[in-house]
All heavy atoms as atom14 arrays in JSON, in Angstrom:
{
  "sequence": "LDIAKAAGLGVGTLYRRFGTKEALLDAVVLSLYDELCDTA",
  "atom14_mask": [
    [1, 1, 1, 1, 1, 1, 1, 1, 0, 0, 0, 0, 0, 0],
    [1, 1, 1, 1, 1, 1, 1, 1, 0, 0, 0, 0, 0, 0],
    [1, 1, 1, 1, 1, 1, 1, 1, 0, 0, 0, 0, 0, 0],
    [1, 1, 1, 1, 1, 0, 0, 0, 0, 0, 0, 0, 0, 0],
    [1, 1, 1, 1, 1, 1, 1, 1, 1, 0, 0, 0, 0, 0],
    [1, 1, 1, 1, 1, 0, 0, 0, 0, 0, 0, 0, 0, 0],
    [1, 1, 1, 1, 1, 0, 0, 0, 0, 0, 0, 0, 0, 0],
    [1, 1, 1, 1, 0, 0, 0, 0, 0, 0, 0, 0, 0, 0],
    [1, 1, 1, 1, 1, 1, 1, 1, 0, 0, 0, 0, 0, 0],
    [1, 1, 1, 1, 0, 0, 0, 0, 0, 0, 0, 0, 0, 0],
    [1, 1, 1, 1, 1, 1, 1, 0, 0, 0, 0, 0, 0, 0],
    [1, 1, 1, 1, 0, 0, 0, 0, 0, 0, 0, 0, 0, 0],
    [1, 1, 1, 1, 1, 1, 1, 0, 0, 0, 0, 0, 0, 0],
    [1, 1, 1, 1, 1, 1, 1, 1, 0, 0, 0, 0, 0, 0],
    [1, 1, 1, 1, 1, 1, 1, 1, 1, 1, 1, 1, 0, 0],
    [1, 1, 1, 1, 1, 1, 1, 1, 1, 1, 1, 0, 0, 0],
    [1, 1, 1, 1, 1, 1, 1, 1, 1, 1, 1, 0, 0, 0],
    [1, 1, 1, 1, 1, 1, 1, 1, 1, 1, 1, 0, 0, 0],
    [1, 1, 1, 1, 0, 0, 0, 0, 0, 0, 0, 0, 0, 0],
    [1, 1, 1, 1, 1, 1, 1, 0, 0, 0, 0, 0, 0, 0],
    [1, 1, 1, 1, 1, 1, 1, 1, 1, 0, 0, 0, 0, 0],
    [1, 1, 1, 1, 1, 1, 1, 1, 1, 0, 0, 0, 0, 0],
    [1, 1, 1, 1, 1, 0, 0, 0, 0, 0, 0, 0, 0, 0],
    [1, 1, 1, 1, 1, 1, 1, 1, 0, 0, 0, 0, 0, 0],
    [1, 1, 1, 1, 1, 1, 1, 1, 0, 0, 0, 0, 0, 0],
    [1, 1, 1, 1, 1, 1, 1, 1, 0, 0, 0, 0, 0, 0],
    [1, 1, 1, 1, 1, 0, 0, 0, 0, 0, 0, 0, 0, 0],
    [1, 1, 1, 1, 1, 1, 1, 0, 0, 0, 0, 0, 0, 0],
    [1, 1, 1, 1, 1, 1, 1, 0, 0, 0, 0, 0, 0, 0],
    [1, 1, 1, 1, 1, 1, 1, 1, 0, 0, 0, 0, 0, 0],
    [1, 1, 1, 1, 1, 1, 0, 0, 0, 0, 0, 0, 0, 0],
    [1, 1, 1, 1, 1, 1, 1, 1, 0, 0, 0, 0, 0, 0],
    [1, 1, 1, 1, 1, 1, 1, 1, 1, 1, 1, 1, 0, 0],
    [1, 1, 1, 1, 1, 1, 1, 1, 0, 0, 0, 0, 0, 0],
    [1, 1, 1, 1, 1, 1, 1, 1, 1, 0, 0, 0, 0, 0],
    [1, 1, 1, 1, 1, 1, 1, 1, 0, 0, 0, 0, 0, 0],
    [1, 1, 1, 1, 1, 1, 0, 0, 0, 0, 0, 0, 0, 0],
    [1, 1, 1, 1, 1, 1, 1, 1, 0, 0, 0, 0, 0, 0],
    [1, 1, 1, 1, 1, 1, 1, 0, 0, 0, 0, 0, 0, 0],
    [1, 1, 1, 1, 1, 0, 0, 0, 0, 0, 0, 0, 0, 0]
  ],
  "atom14_positions": [
    [[0.38, 8.69, 7.78], [1.31, 9.82, 7.67], [2.74, 9.33, 7.49], [3.5, 9.86, 6.67], [1.21, 10.69, 8.92], [2.1, 11.94, 8.96], [1.79, 12.85, 7.77], [1.92, 12.69, 10.28], [0.0, 0.0, 0.0], [0.0, 0.0, 0.0], [0.0, 0.0, 0.0], [0.0, 0.0, 0.0], [0.0, 0.0, 0.0], [0.0, 0.0, 0.0]],
    [[3.14, 8.3, 8.25], [4.5, 7.77, 8.13], [4.74, 7.17, 6.74], [5.82, 7.32, 6.17], [4.74, 6.72, 9.21], [4.92, 7.32, 10.59], [5.18, 8.53, 10.67], [4.77, 6.59, 11.58], [0.0, 0.0, 0.0], [0.0, 0.0, 0.0], [0.0, 0.0, 0.0], [0.0, 0.0, 0.0], [0.0, 0.0, 0.0], [0.0, 0.0, 0.0]],
    [[3.73, 6.48, 6.2], [3.87, 5.91, 4.87], [4.03, 7.01, 3.84], [4.91, 6.95, 2.96], [2.64, 5.04, 4.53], [2.61, 3.79, 5.4], [2.65, 4.65, 3.05], [1.33, 2.98, 5.27], [0.0, 0.0, 0.0], [0.0, 0.0, 0.0], [0.0, 0.0, 0.0], [0.0, 0.0, 0.0], [0.0, 0.0, 0.0], [0.0, 0.0, 0.0]],
    [[3.18, 8.03, 3.92], [3.24, 9.12, 2.96], [4.58, 9.85, 3.02], [5.17, 10.17, 1.99], [2.09, 10.1, 3.21], [0.0, 0.0, 0.0], [0.0, 0.0, 0.0], [0.0, 0.0, 0.0], [0.0, 0.0, 0.0], [0.0, 0.0, 0.0], [0.0, 0.0, 0.0], [0.0, 0.0, 0.0], [0.0, 0.0, 0.0], [0.0, 0.0, 0.0]],
    [[5.07, 10.09, 4.24], [6.37, 10.76, 4.38], [7.48, 9.92, 3.77], [8.37, 10.45, 3.09], [6.66, 11.02, 5.86], [5.89, 12.18, 6.46], [6.29, 12.41, 7.92], [5.6, 13.62, 8.51], [5.99, 13.84, 9.93], [0.0, 0.0, 0.0], [0.0, 0.0, 0.0], [0.0, 0.0, 0.0], [0.0, 0.0, 0.0], [0.0, 0.0, 0.0]],
    [[7.44, 8.63, 4.0], [8.48, 7.75, 3.44], [8.43, 7.74, 1.92], [9.46, 7.56, 1.27], [8.29, 6.33, 3.98], [0.0, 0.0, 0.0], [0.0, 0.0, 0.0], [0.0, 0.0, 0.0], [0.0, 0.0, 0.0], [0.0, 0.0, 0.0], [0.0, 0.0, 0.0], [0.0, 0.0, 0.0], [0.0, 0.0, 0.0], [0.0, 0.0, 0.0]],
    [[7.24, 7.92, 1.37], [7.1, 7.95, -0.08], [7.41, 9.32, -0.66], [7.45, 9.49, -1.89], [5.68, 7.55, -0.47], [0.0, 0.0, 0.0], [0.0, 0.0, 0.0], [0.0, 0.0, 0.0], [0.0, 0.0, 0.0], [0.0, 0.0, 0.0], [0.0, 0.0, 0.0], [0.0, 0.0, 0.0], [0.0, 0.0, 0.0], [0.0, 0.0, 0.0]],
    [[7.61, 10.32, 0.21], [7.87, 11.68, -0.25], [6.63, 12.36, -0.77], [6.7, 13.24, -1.64], [0.0, 0.0, 0.0], [0.0, 0.0, 0.0], [0.0, 0.0, 0.0], [0.0, 0.0, 0.0], [0.0, 0.0, 0.0], [0.0, 0.0, 0.0], [0.0, 0.0, 0.0], [0.0, 0.0, 0.0], [0.0, 0.0, 0.0], [0.0, 0.0, 0.0]],
    [[5.47, 11.98, -0.23], [4.19, 12.51, -0.7], [3.37, 13.0, 0.48], [3.66, 12.68, 1.64], [3.4, 11.43, -1.45], [4.07, 10.84, -2.69], [3.33, 9.6, -3.14], [4.14, 11.87, -3.81], [0.0, 0.0, 0.0], [0.0, 0.0, 0.0], [0.0, 0.0, 0.0], [0.0, 0.0, 0.0], [0.0, 0.0, 0.0], [0.0, 0.0, 0.0]],
    [[2.34, 13.76, 0.19], [1.42, 14.18, 1.23], [0.43, 13.08, 1.54], [0.13, 12.23, 0.69], [0.0, 0.0, 0.0], [0.0, 0.0, 0.0], [0.0, 0.0, 0.0], [0.0, 0.0, 0.0], [0.0, 0.0, 0.0], [0.0, 0.0, 0.0], [0.0, 0.0, 0.0], [0.0, 0.0, 0.0], [0.0, 0.0, 0.0], [0.0, 0.0, 0.0]],
    [[-0.1, 13.1, 2.77], [-1.02, 12.04, 3.15], [-2.3, 12.11, 2.32], [-2.97, 11.08, 2.09], [-1.33, 12.12, 4.67], [-2.21, 13.33, 4.99], [-1.98, 10.84, 5.16], [0.0, 0.0, 0.0], [0.0, 0.0, 0.0], [0.0, 0.0, 0.0], [0.0, 0.0, 0.0], [0.0, 0.0, 0.0], [0.0, 0.0, 0.0], [0.0, 0.0, 0.0]],
    [[-2.62, 13.28, 1.82], [-3.8, 13.41, 0.96], [-3.68, 12.58, -0.31], [-4.67, 12.06, -0.81], [0.0, 0.0, 0.0], [0.0, 0.0, 0.0], [0.0, 0.0, 0.0], [0.0, 0.0, 0.0], [0.0, 0.0, 0.0], [0.0, 0.0, 0.0], [0.0, 0.0, 0.0], [0.0, 0.0, 0.0], [0.0, 0.0, 0.0], [0.0, 0.0, 0.0]],
    [[-2.45, 12.49, -0.83], [-2.22, 11.69, -2.03], [-2.52, 10.22, -1.75], [-3.09, 9.51, -2.58], [-0.77, 11.84, -2.51], [-0.51, 13.22, -2.77], [-0.52, 11.03, -3.78], [0.0, 0.0, 0.0], [0.0, 0.0, 0.0], [0.0, 0.0, 0.0], [0.0, 0.0, 0.0], [0.0, 0.0, 0.0], [0.0, 0.0, 0.0], [0.0, 0.0, 0.0]],
    [[-2.14, 9.75, -0.56], [-2.42, 8.36, -0.19], [-3.93, 8.1, -0.23], [-4.38, 7.09, -0.79], [-1.86, 8.07, 1.21], [-1.98, 6.65, 1.75], [-0.87, 6.4, 2.78], [-3.34, 6.39, 2.41], [0.0, 0.0, 0.0], [0.0, 0.0, 0.0], [0.0, 0.0, 0.0], [0.0, 0.0, 0.0], [0.0, 0.0, 0.0], [0.0, 0.0, 0.0]],
    [[-4.7, 9.02, 0.35], [-6.15, 8.8, 0.4], [-6.78, 8.95, -0.98], [-7.76, 8.25, -1.29], [-6.79, 9.77, 1.4], [-6.42, 9.46, 2.83], [-5.76, 10.39, 3.63], [-6.72, 8.22, 3.38], [-5.43, 10.1, 4.94], [-6.38, 7.91, 4.69], [-5.73, 8.86, 5.46], [-5.4, 8.55, 6.76], [0.0, 0.0, 0.0], [0.0, 0.0, 0.0]],
    [[-6.23, 9.82, -1.83], [-6.78, 9.94, -3.18], [-6.51, 8.69, -4.0], [-7.34, 8.26, -4.8], [-6.18, 11.16, -3.88], [-6.75, 12.49, -3.44], [-6.37, 13.6, -4.38], [-4.93, 13.81, -4.44], [-4.26, 14.59, -3.6], [-4.89, 15.21, -2.62], [-2.96, 14.75, -3.72], [0.0, 0.0, 0.0], [0.0, 0.0, 0.0], [0.0, 0.0, 0.0]],
    [[-5.34, 8.09, -3.8], [-4.98, 6.92, -4.61], [-5.64, 5.64, -4.1], [-5.98, 4.76, -4.88], [-3.46, 6.73, -4.61], [-2.66, 7.85, -5.25], [-2.6, 7.73, -6.77], [-3.85, 7.93, -7.45], [-4.37, 9.13, -7.74], [-3.74, 10.23, -7.37], [-5.51, 9.23, -8.38], [0.0, 0.0, 0.0], [0.0, 0.0, 0.0], [0.0, 0.0, 0.0]],
    [[-5.81, 5.52, -2.77], [-6.29, 4.25, -2.22], [-7.56, 4.36, -1.39], [-8.14, 3.33, -1.04], [-5.19, 3.61, -1.36], [-4.03, 3.11, -2.17], [-2.93, 3.92, -2.4], [-4.05, 1.83, -2.72], [-1.86, 3.46, -3.16], [-2.99, 1.37, -3.47], [-1.89, 2.19, -3.7], [0.0, 0.0, 0.0], [0.0, 0.0, 0.0], [0.0, 0.0, 0.0]],
    [[-7.97, 5.55, -1.05], [-9.19, 5.71, -0.28], [-8.96, 5.64, 1.22], [-9.35, 6.54, 1.96], [0.0, 0.0, 0.0], [0.0, 0.0, 0.0], [0.0, 0.0, 0.0], [0.0, 0.0, 0.0], [0.0, 0.0, 0.0], [0.0, 0.0, 0.0], [0.0, 0.0, 0.0], [0.0, 0.0, 0.0], [0.0, 0.0, 0.0], [0.0, 0.0, 0.0]],
    [[-8.31, 4.56, 1.67], [-8.0, 4.38, 3.09], [-6.62, 3.76, 3.23], [-6.1, 3.13, 2.29], [-9.02, 3.46, 3.79], [-8.91, 2.14, 3.24], [-10.44, 3.98, 3.63], [0.0, 0.0, 0.0], [0.0, 0.0, 0.0], [0.0, 0.0, 0.0], [0.0, 0.0, 0.0], [0.0, 0.0, 0.0], [0.0, 0.0, 0.0], [0.0, 0.0, 0.0]],
    [[-6.06, 3.91, 4.42], [-4.78, 3.24, 4.7], [-4.95, 1.74, 4.62], [-4.07, 1.01, 4.14], [-4.26, 3.65, 6.08], [-2.91, 3.03, 6.43], [-2.58, 3.16, 7.9], [-3.34, 2.17, 8.76], [-2.86, 2.13, 10.16], [0.0, 0.0, 0.0], [0.0, 0.0, 0.0], [0.0, 0.0, 0.0], [0.0, 0.0, 0.0], [0.0, 0.0, 0.0]],
    [[-6.08, 1.24, 5.11], [-6.32, -0.2, 5.11], [-6.35, -0.77, 3.69], [-5.87, -1.89, 3.46], [-7.64, -0.5, 5.82], [-7.61, -0.3, 7.32], [-7.5, 1.16, 7.75], [-7.96, 2.03, 6.97], [-6.96, 1.42, 8.85], [0.0, 0.0, 0.0], [0.0, 0.0, 0.0], [0.0, 0.0, 0.0], [0.0, 0.0, 0.0], [0.0, 0.0, 0.0]],
    [[-6.89, -0.01, 2.75], [-6.92, -0.47, 1.36], [-5.5, -0.57, 0.8], [-5.18, -1.49, 0.04], [-7.76, 0.46, 0.5], [0.0, 0.0, 0.0], [0.0, 0.0, 0.0], [0.0, 0.0, 0.0], [0.0, 0.0, 0.0], [0.0, 0.0, 0.0], [0.0, 0.0, 0.0], [0.0, 0.0, 0.0], [0.0, 0.0, 0.0], [0.0, 0.0, 0.0]],
    [[-4.64, 0.37, 1.17], [-3.25, 0.32, 0.75], [-2.54, -0.88, 1.36], [-1.81, -1.61, 0.67], [-2.54, 1.63, 1.14], [-1.03, 1.69, 0.93], [-0.65, 1.37, -0.52], [-0.49, 3.07, 1.33], [0.0, 0.0, 0.0], [0.0, 0.0, 0.0], [0.0, 0.0, 0.0], [0.0, 0.0, 0.0], [0.0, 0.0, 0.0], [0.0, 0.0, 0.0]],
    [[-2.75, -1.09, 2.65], [-2.14, -2.25, 3.31], [-2.61, -3.55, 2.66], [-1.81, -4.47, 2.44], [-2.48, -2.26, 4.8], [-1.84, -1.16, 5.66], [-2.36, -1.26, 7.09], [-0.33, -1.25, 5.64], [0.0, 0.0, 0.0], [0.0, 0.0, 0.0], [0.0, 0.0, 0.0], [0.0, 0.0, 0.0], [0.0, 0.0, 0.0], [0.0, 0.0, 0.0]],
    [[-3.9, -3.62, 2.34], [-4.43, -4.83, 1.71], [-3.74, -5.09, 0.37], [-3.39, -6.22, 0.05], [-5.94, -4.69, 1.49], [-6.74, -4.85, 2.77], [-6.16, -5.3, 3.78], [-7.94, -4.51, 2.77], [0.0, 0.0, 0.0], [0.0, 0.0, 0.0], [0.0, 0.0, 0.0], [0.0, 0.0, 0.0], [0.0, 0.0, 0.0], [0.0, 0.0, 0.0]],
    [[-3.57, -4.02, -0.41], [-2.94, -4.16, -1.73], [-1.51, -4.69, -1.6], [-1.08, -5.56, -2.37], [-2.95, -2.82, -2.46], [0.0, 0.0, 0.0], [0.0, 0.0, 0.0], [0.0, 0.0, 0.0], [0.0, 0.0, 0.0], [0.0, 0.0, 0.0], [0.0, 0.0, 0.0], [0.0, 0.0, 0.0], [0.0, 0.0, 0.0], [0.0, 0.0, 0.0]],
    [[-0.79, -4.19, -0.61], [0.6, -4.61, -0.42], [0.66, -6.04, 0.08], [1.47, -6.85, -0.41], [1.32, -3.65, 0.55], [2.67, -4.21, 0.95], [1.47, -2.27, -0.09], [0.0, 0.0, 0.0], [0.0, 0.0, 0.0], [0.0, 0.0, 0.0], [0.0, 0.0, 0.0], [0.0, 0.0, 0.0], [0.0, 0.0, 0.0], [0.0, 0.0, 0.0]],
    [[-0.17, -6.39, 1.05], [-0.18, -7.76, 1.59], [-0.55, -8.75, 0.49], [0.07, -9.82, 0.37], [-1.13, -7.87, 2.79], [-1.37, -9.33, 3.16], [-0.56, -7.11, 3.99], [0.0, 0.0, 0.0], [0.0, 0.0, 0.0], [0.0, 0.0, 0.0], [0.0, 0.0, 0.0], [0.0, 0.0, 0.0], [0.0, 0.0, 0.0], [0.0, 0.0, 0.0]],
    [[-1.53, -8.41, -0.32], [-1.93, -9.31, -1.41], [-0.78, -9.51, -2.39], [-0.59, -10.62, -2.92], [-3.16, -8.77, -2.13], [-4.47, -8.82, -1.34], [-5.59, -8.17, -2.13], [-4.85, -10.25, -0.98], [0.0, 0.0, 0.0], [0.0, 0.0, 0.0], [0.0, 0.0, 0.0], [0.0, 0.0, 0.0], [0.0, 0.0, 0.0], [0.0, 0.0, 0.0]],
    [[-0.01, -8.46, -2.64], [1.13, -8.6, -3.55], [2.19, -9.53, -2.96], [2.83, -10.3, -3.71], [1.74, -7.23, -3.87], [2.46, -6.7, -2.76], [0.0, 0.0, 0.0], [0.0, 0.0, 0.0], [0.0, 0.0, 0.0], [0.0, 0.0, 0.0], [0.0, 0.0, 0.0], [0.0, 0.0, 0.0], [0.0, 0.0, 0.0], [0.0, 0.0, 0.0]],
    [[2.38, -9.5, -1.64], [3.32, -10.42, -1.0], [2.83, -11.86, -1.12], [3.61, -12.78, -1.38], [3.5, -10.04, 0.47], [4.18, -8.69, 0.74], [4.12, -8.35, 2.23], [5.63, -8.71, 0.27], [0.0, 0.0, 0.0], [0.0, 0.0, 0.0], [0.0, 0.0, 0.0], [0.0, 0.0, 0.0], [0.0, 0.0, 0.0], [0.0, 0.0, 0.0]],
    [[1.54, -12.06, -0.94], [0.96, -13.4, -1.12], [1.11, -13.86, -2.56], [1.4, -15.04, -2.82], [-0.51, -13.4, -0.72], [-0.78, -13.75, 0.72], [-0.37, -12.91, 1.75], [-1.45, -14.92, 1.07], [-0.63, -13.21, 3.08], [-1.71, -15.24, 2.38], [-1.29, -14.38, 3.4], [-1.53, -14.69, 4.71], [0.0, 0.0, 0.0], [0.0, 0.0, 0.0]],
    [[0.91, -12.95, -3.51], [1.04, -13.3, -4.92], [2.46, -13.77, -5.24], [2.66, -14.71, -6.01], [0.67, -12.11, -5.81], [-0.82, -11.85, -5.84], [-1.6, -12.77, -5.48], [-1.22, -10.73, -6.22], [0.0, 0.0, 0.0], [0.0, 0.0, 0.0], [0.0, 0.0, 0.0], [0.0, 0.0, 0.0], [0.0, 0.0, 0.0], [0.0, 0.0, 0.0]],
    [[3.44, -13.11, -4.64], [4.83, -13.53, -4.86], [5.07, -14.94, -4.31], [5.77, -15.74, -4.93], [5.78, -12.52, -4.2], [5.8, -11.17, -4.91], [6.59, -10.12, -4.16], [7.25, -10.48, -3.15], [6.53, -8.94, -4.54], [0.0, 0.0, 0.0], [0.0, 0.0, 0.0], [0.0, 0.0, 0.0], [0.0, 0.0, 0.0], [0.0, 0.0, 0.0]],
    [[4.47, -15.24, -3.15], [4.6, -16.58, -2.59], [3.9, -17.61, -3.48], [4.39, -18.73, -3.65], [4.03, -16.62, -1.18], [4.86, -15.93, -0.1], [4.08, -15.88, 1.21], [6.19, -16.66, 0.11], [0.0, 0.0, 0.0], [0.0, 0.0, 0.0], [0.0, 0.0, 0.0], [0.0, 0.0, 0.0], [0.0, 0.0, 0.0], [0.0, 0.0, 0.0]],
    [[2.75, -17.24, -4.05], [2.06, -18.14, -4.98], [2.92, -18.43, -6.2], [2.98, -19.58, -6.67], [0.72, -17.54, -5.4], [-0.57, -17.58, -4.13], [0.0, 0.0, 0.0], [0.0, 0.0, 0.0], [0.0, 0.0, 0.0], [0.0, 0.0, 0.0], [0.0, 0.0, 0.0], [0.0, 0.0, 0.0], [0.0, 0.0, 0.0], [0.0, 0.0, 0.0]],
    [[3.6, -17.4, -6.72], [4.49, -17.61, -7.88], [5.64, -18.54, -7.5], [6.03, -19.41, -8.29], [5.03, -16.26, -8.36], [3.97, -15.4, -9.01], [2.92, -15.95, -9.43], [4.17, -14.17, -9.11], [0.0, 0.0, 0.0], [0.0, 0.0, 0.0], [0.0, 0.0, 0.0], [0.0, 0.0, 0.0], [0.0, 0.0, 0.0], [0.0, 0.0, 0.0]],
    [[6.2, -18.33, -6.31], [7.29, -19.2, -5.84], [6.82, -20.64, -5.7], [7.51, -21.58, -6.09], [7.82, -18.69, -4.5], [8.34, -17.36, -4.66], [8.94, -19.59, -3.97], [0.0, 0.0, 0.0], [0.0, 0.0, 0.0], [0.0, 0.0, 0.0], [0.0, 0.0, 0.0], [0.0, 0.0, 0.0], [0.0, 0.0, 0.0], [0.0, 0.0, 0.0]],
    [[5.63, -20.81, -5.13], [5.08, -22.15, -4.95], [4.89, -22.86, -6.29], [5.2, -24.04, -6.44], [3.76, -22.08, -4.2], [0.0, 0.0, 0.0], [0.0, 0.0, 0.0], [0.0, 0.0, 0.0], [0.0, 0.0, 0.0], [0.0, 0.0, 0.0], [0.0, 0.0, 0.0], [0.0, 0.0, 0.0], [0.0, 0.0, 0.0], [0.0, 0.0, 0.0]]
  ]
}
């Protein structure tokens, strides 16, 4: 709910786009790792 509010969207949109909050968190964490891989 806090993520959806910060994005200016309803929480239903989050679940439609990613299925679960955990899937969204995974996508973001992986992108942070990818940036570190590029830096390395």
